[in-house]
């Protein structure tokens, strides 16, 4: 990821409509599939620490890791201390240590050589019946300038993600798309980018929603009960809850 993108993330994660709406969707997914509030949680690829400070602590004790030392410095600015520098393909934790692993928009990056290797690590450090929550950008044909800024290596769809999880020995419990209601606007934006290419280094995060930010937040957040329930058939992101099988599987 471009270094400037970490700064953009840190500046907008607590106010930008996309982050606020996705937090609501994340909570709805975890409320359905995670029991109690005393889990040992790893946020794998924690970035600047927004999820660690905003929504994950209500489910247990959270540890974060990220390969970027710059990202971890922003975590420190949020007063987050339980973090370590590590790649998601080589995690410095003992087997069967965590009840829940979250990974938000990480396995798509070019820096992750093998998503399958990362999932193998997740499985190794999950306890029997432990859960994994993944969020990833959807549809390779939706690539845009923002993908250049965040070093996108691959995008996913529900079928490919389900296959990857099963091949890794993690059983998908629920797969859904998200950011569905605004999907037509995203397609229009990508089409316009092809006619009027944005400046090099530009990013979706640099586009402030201004007056429309509260409205867009409500629109995205409104998807939460549907995404966590029957699921959404398409969208800008694909989200999966998977489980490591074990004797105490629920």
Protein backbone atom coordinates (compact mmCIF):
# COMPACT_ATOMS: atom_id res chain seq x y z
CA UNK A 1 0.00 0.00 0.00
CA UNK A 2 1.26 3.49 -0.78
CA UNK A 3 2.49 5.13 2.45
CA UNK A 4 0.21 8.13 1.90
CA UNK A 5 -2.76 5.76 1.93
CA UNK A 6 -2.10 4.84 5.55
CA UNK A 7 -2.26 8.51 6.47
CA UNK A 8 -5.52 8.90 4.56
CA UNK A 9 -6.96 5.87 6.34
CA UNK A 10 -5.94 7.14 9.74
CA UNK A 11 -7.49 10.54 9.07
CA UNK A 12 -10.89 9.31 7.82
CA UNK A 13 -11.57 5.91 9.43
CA UNK A 14 -13.60 7.38 12.29
CA UNK A 15 -15.75 9.62 10.09
CA UNK A 16 -15.91 8.36 6.49
CA UNK A 17 -19.23 6.80 5.51
CA UNK A 18 -17.66 3.61 4.13
CA UNK A 19 -15.81 2.79 7.35
CA UNK A 20 -18.76 3.67 9.59
CA UNK A 21 -21.20 1.63 7.51
CA UNK A 22 -18.84 -1.35 7.35
CA UNK A 23 -18.41 -1.24 11.12
CA UNK A 24 -22.18 -1.66 11.48
CA UNK A 25 -22.14 -4.62 9.08
CA UNK A 26 -19.17 -6.15 10.93
CA UNK A 27 -20.95 -5.90 14.27
CA UNK A 28 -24.07 -7.53 12.81
CA UNK A 29 -22.01 -10.44 11.48
CA UNK A 30 -20.14 -10.92 14.74
CA UNK A 31 -23.29 -10.60 16.84
CA UNK A 32 -24.77 -13.52 14.91
CA UNK A 33 -21.75 -15.82 14.89
CA UNK A 34 -19.64 -14.98 17.96
CA UNK A 35 -20.89 -15.89 21.42
CA UNK A 36 -19.91 -13.97 24.52
CA UNK A 37 -17.44 -11.16 25.05
CA UNK A 38 -14.30 -12.93 26.28
CA UNK A 39 -12.78 -14.26 23.06
CA UNK A 40 -9.09 -14.08 22.23
CA UNK A 41 -9.13 -12.12 18.95
CA UNK A 42 -6.49 -11.47 16.31
CA UNK A 43 -6.98 -8.66 13.81
CA UNK A 44 -4.68 -9.93 11.06
CA UNK A 45 -3.48 -7.02 8.98
CA UNK A 46 -4.83 -4.47 11.44
CA UNK A 47 -3.72 -1.44 9.45
CA UNK A 48 -3.97 1.77 11.45
CA UNK A 49 -6.09 0.08 14.14
CA UNK A 50 -9.61 1.34 13.49
CA UNK A 51 -11.31 -2.03 13.96
CA UNK A 52 -9.25 -2.72 17.08
CA UNK A 53 -10.45 0.49 18.69
CA UNK A 54 -13.99 0.75 17.29
CA UNK A 55 -15.85 -2.56 17.24
CA UNK A 56 -13.72 -5.59 18.17
CA UNK A 57 -13.17 -4.95 21.91
CA UNK A 58 -16.81 -5.69 22.69
CA UNK A 59 -16.14 -9.33 21.72
CA UNK A 60 -12.98 -9.94 23.74
CA UNK A 61 -9.28 -9.18 24.06
CA UNK A 62 -7.83 -7.99 20.77
CA UNK A 63 -4.31 -8.43 19.42
CA UNK A 64 -3.28 -6.82 16.16
CA UNK A 65 -0.55 -7.52 13.65
CA UNK A 66 0.52 -5.83 10.46
CA UNK A 67 3.53 -6.09 8.18
CA UNK A 68 3.81 -2.31 7.85
CA UNK A 69 5.69 -0.53 10.62
CA UNK A 70 4.04 2.70 9.42
CA UNK A 71 0.59 1.24 10.04
CA UNK A 72 1.64 0.14 13.53
CA UNK A 73 2.85 3.66 14.32
CA UNK A 74 -0.66 4.91 13.63
CA UNK A 75 -1.96 2.19 15.96
CA UNK A 76 0.26 3.62 18.68
CA UNK A 77 -1.25 7.04 18.01
CA UNK A 78 -4.61 5.48 18.84
CA UNK A 79 -3.06 4.26 22.12
CA UNK A 80 -3.25 0.63 20.93
CA UNK A 81 -0.44 -1.38 22.52
CA UNK A 82 -1.30 -5.07 21.87
CA UNK A 83 0.23 -5.16 18.39
CA UNK A 84 3.14 -6.82 16.64
CA UNK A 85 4.82 -6.60 13.25
CA UNK A 86 4.20 -9.75 11.21
CA UNK A 87 3.07 -11.02 7.85
CA UNK A 88 -0.25 -12.85 7.65
CA UNK A 89 1.63 -15.72 6.00
CA UNK A 90 4.04 -16.12 8.96
CA UNK A 91 2.25 -15.34 12.21
CA UNK A 92 4.28 -15.42 15.46
CA UNK A 93 1.60 -17.09 17.56
CA UNK A 94 1.32 -20.63 18.95
CA UNK A 95 -1.16 -23.16 17.55
CA UNK A 96 -4.80 -22.96 18.66
CA UNK A 97 -4.35 -19.63 20.44
CA UNK A 98 -7.27 -17.53 19.14
CA UNK A 99 -11.04 -17.93 19.25
CA UNK A 100 -11.63 -15.39 16.48
CA UNK A 101 -9.53 -13.97 13.66
CA UNK A 102 -10.64 -10.96 11.65
CA UNK A 103 -8.95 -9.79 8.47
CA UNK A 104 -10.36 -6.73 6.77
CA UNK A 105 -9.25 -6.09 3.18
CA UNK A 106 -5.84 -7.72 3.50
CA UNK A 107 -5.61 -10.94 1.46
CA UNK A 108 -6.28 -9.07 -1.78
CA UNK A 109 -2.98 -7.13 -1.56
CA UNK A 110 -0.05 -7.79 -3.86
CA UNK A 111 2.14 -8.10 -0.79
CA UNK A 112 0.28 -11.28 0.19
CA UNK A 113 1.91 -13.75 -2.17
CA UNK A 114 -0.45 -16.59 -1.29
CA UNK A 115 -3.89 -16.12 0.27
CA UNK A 116 -3.95 -19.89 0.78
CA UNK A 117 -0.79 -19.67 2.89
CA UNK A 118 -2.38 -16.95 5.01
CA UNK A 119 -5.51 -19.07 5.52
CA UNK A 120 -3.31 -22.01 6.52
CA UNK A 121 -1.76 -19.80 9.19
CA UNK A 122 -5.19 -18.66 10.35
CA UNK A 123 -6.29 -22.27 10.67
CA UNK A 124 -3.13 -23.18 12.58
CA UNK A 125 -3.61 -20.55 15.28
CA UNK A 126 -7.40 -20.90 15.58
CA UNK A 127 -8.78 -23.06 18.36
CA UNK A 128 -11.15 -25.89 17.42
CA UNK A 129 -14.47 -24.34 16.39
CA UNK A 130 -12.77 -20.93 16.16
CA UNK A 131 -14.19 -18.43 13.70
CA UNK A 132 -12.68 -16.37 10.90
CA UNK A 133 -14.22 -13.18 9.51
CA UNK A 134 -12.86 -12.07 6.14
CA UNK A 135 -13.75 -8.96 4.15
CA UNK A 136 -12.35 -8.50 0.65
CA UNK A 137 -12.99 -6.32 -2.42
CA UNK A 138 -15.27 -7.96 -4.97
CA UNK A 139 -15.06 -8.50 -8.73
CA UNK A 140 -11.83 -8.11 -10.64
CA UNK A 141 -13.61 -6.11 -13.34
CA UNK A 142 -14.24 -3.34 -10.78
CA UNK A 143 -10.56 -2.40 -10.58
CA UNK A 144 -9.92 1.34 -10.61
CA UNK A 145 -7.34 3.94 -9.69
CA UNK A 146 -7.90 3.23 -6.00
CA UNK A 147 -6.65 -0.32 -6.59
CA UNK A 148 -3.34 1.13 -7.72
CA UNK A 149 -3.04 3.18 -4.53
CA UNK A 150 -3.72 0.21 -2.25
CA UNK A 151 -1.69 -2.28 -4.33
CA UNK A 152 -4.54 -4.63 -5.24
CA UNK A 153 -3.27 -7.98 -6.42
CA UNK A 154 -6.60 -9.76 -6.74
CA UNK A 155 -10.30 -9.32 -6.15
CA UNK A 156 -12.72 -12.05 -5.11
CA UNK A 157 -16.25 -13.24 -5.61
CA UNK A 158 -18.37 -15.46 -3.39
CA UNK A 159 -17.61 -18.62 -5.35
CA UNK A 160 -13.83 -18.17 -5.45
CA UNK A 161 -13.74 -17.24 -1.77
CA UNK A 162 -15.83 -20.25 -0.78
CA UNK A 163 -13.53 -22.51 -2.79
CA UNK A 164 -10.42 -20.98 -1.20
CA UNK A 165 -11.79 -21.44 2.30
CA UNK A 166 -12.80 -25.05 1.70
CA UNK A 167 -9.42 -25.86 0.17
CA UNK A 168 -7.79 -24.41 3.28
CA UNK A 169 -9.83 -26.63 5.59
CA UNK A 170 -12.03 -23.80 6.92
CA UNK A 171 -15.77 -24.39 6.57
CA UNK A 172 -17.72 -21.39 5.27
CA UNK A 173 -20.71 -20.66 7.50
CA UNK A 174 -21.95 -17.57 5.70
CA UNK A 175 -20.82 -15.62 2.64
CA UNK A 176 -22.44 -12.39 1.54
CA UNK A 177 -21.72 -9.32 -0.49
CA UNK A 178 -21.93 -5.81 0.96
CA UNK A 179 -22.15 -2.25 -0.31
CA UNK A 180 -24.96 -3.39 -2.58
CA UNK A 181 -27.35 -0.45 -2.46
CA UNK A 182 -24.70 1.92 -3.84
CA UNK A 183 -23.39 -0.58 -6.38
CA UNK A 184 -24.79 1.27 -9.45
CA UNK A 185 -22.97 4.45 -8.43
CA UNK A 186 -19.72 2.50 -8.11
CA UNK A 187 -20.11 1.07 -11.61
CA UNK A 188 -20.76 4.57 -12.96
CA UNK A 189 -17.66 5.89 -11.20
CA UNK A 190 -15.47 3.13 -12.63
CA UNK A 191 -16.82 3.75 -16.14
CA UNK A 192 -16.15 7.47 -15.84
CA UNK A 193 -12.60 6.72 -14.69
CA UNK A 194 -11.99 4.94 -17.98
CA UNK A 195 -13.16 7.96 -19.95
CA UNK A 196 -11.63 10.58 -17.65
CA UNK A 197 -8.67 8.90 -15.92
CA UNK A 198 -7.97 10.31 -12.45
CA UNK A 199 -4.57 11.67 -11.53
CA UNK A 200 -1.90 9.17 -10.62
CA UNK A 201 -1.88 8.44 -6.91
CA UNK A 202 -5.50 9.44 -6.40
CA UNK A 203 -7.60 7.39 -4.00
CA UNK A 204 -11.26 6.87 -3.17
CA UNK A 205 -10.43 7.93 0.39
CA UNK A 206 -9.34 11.34 -0.86
CA UNK A 207 -12.88 11.99 -2.14
CA UNK A 208 -14.81 13.51 0.73
CA UNK A 209 -18.57 12.96 0.71
CA UNK A 210 -19.19 16.24 2.50
CA UNK A 211 -22.87 16.93 3.08
CA UNK A 212 -23.78 13.43 1.84
CA UNK A 213 -21.56 11.57 4.34
CA UNK A 214 -24.33 10.95 6.95
CA UNK A 215 -26.76 9.81 4.25
CA UNK A 216 -24.27 7.41 2.69
CA UNK A 217 -23.44 6.07 6.15
CA UNK A 218 -27.10 5.27 6.79
CA UNK A 219 -27.53 3.64 3.38
CA UNK A 220 -24.57 1.31 3.88
CA UNK A 221 -25.42 0.57 7.52
CA UNK A 222 -28.96 -0.37 6.47
CA UNK A 223 -27.51 -3.42 4.74
CA UNK A 224 -26.28 -4.89 8.05
CA UNK A 225 -29.31 -7.04 9.02
CA UNK A 226 -29.64 -8.34 5.46
CA UNK A 227 -25.92 -9.11 5.08
CA UNK A 228 -25.88 -10.96 8.40
CA UNK A 229 -29.17 -12.70 7.62
CA UNK A 230 -30.06 -14.09 4.23
CA UNK A 231 -27.16 -12.27 2.57
CA UNK A 232 -26.84 -9.90 -0.37
CA UNK A 233 -26.39 -11.20 -3.94
CA UNK A 234 -23.78 -8.71 -5.18
CA UNK A 235 -21.80 -5.72 -3.99
CA UNK A 236 -18.47 -3.97 -3.79
CA UNK A 237 -17.19 -6.21 -0.98
CA UNK A 238 -17.53 -9.88 -0.20
CA UNK A 239 -17.61 -11.00 3.45
CA UNK A 240 -17.25 -14.52 4.81
CA UNK A 241 -17.58 -16.16 8.20
CA UNK A 242 -15.77 -19.50 8.35
CA UNK A 243 -15.06 -22.00 11.10
CA UNK A 244 -12.27 -24.38 11.98
CA UNK A 245 -13.89 -27.70 12.70
CA UNK A 246 -13.37 -29.31 16.08
CA UNK A 247 -14.90 -31.52 18.73
CA UNK A 248 -16.67 -28.58 20.34
CA UNK A 249 -18.01 -27.20 17.07
CA UNK A 250 -21.20 -25.24 17.53
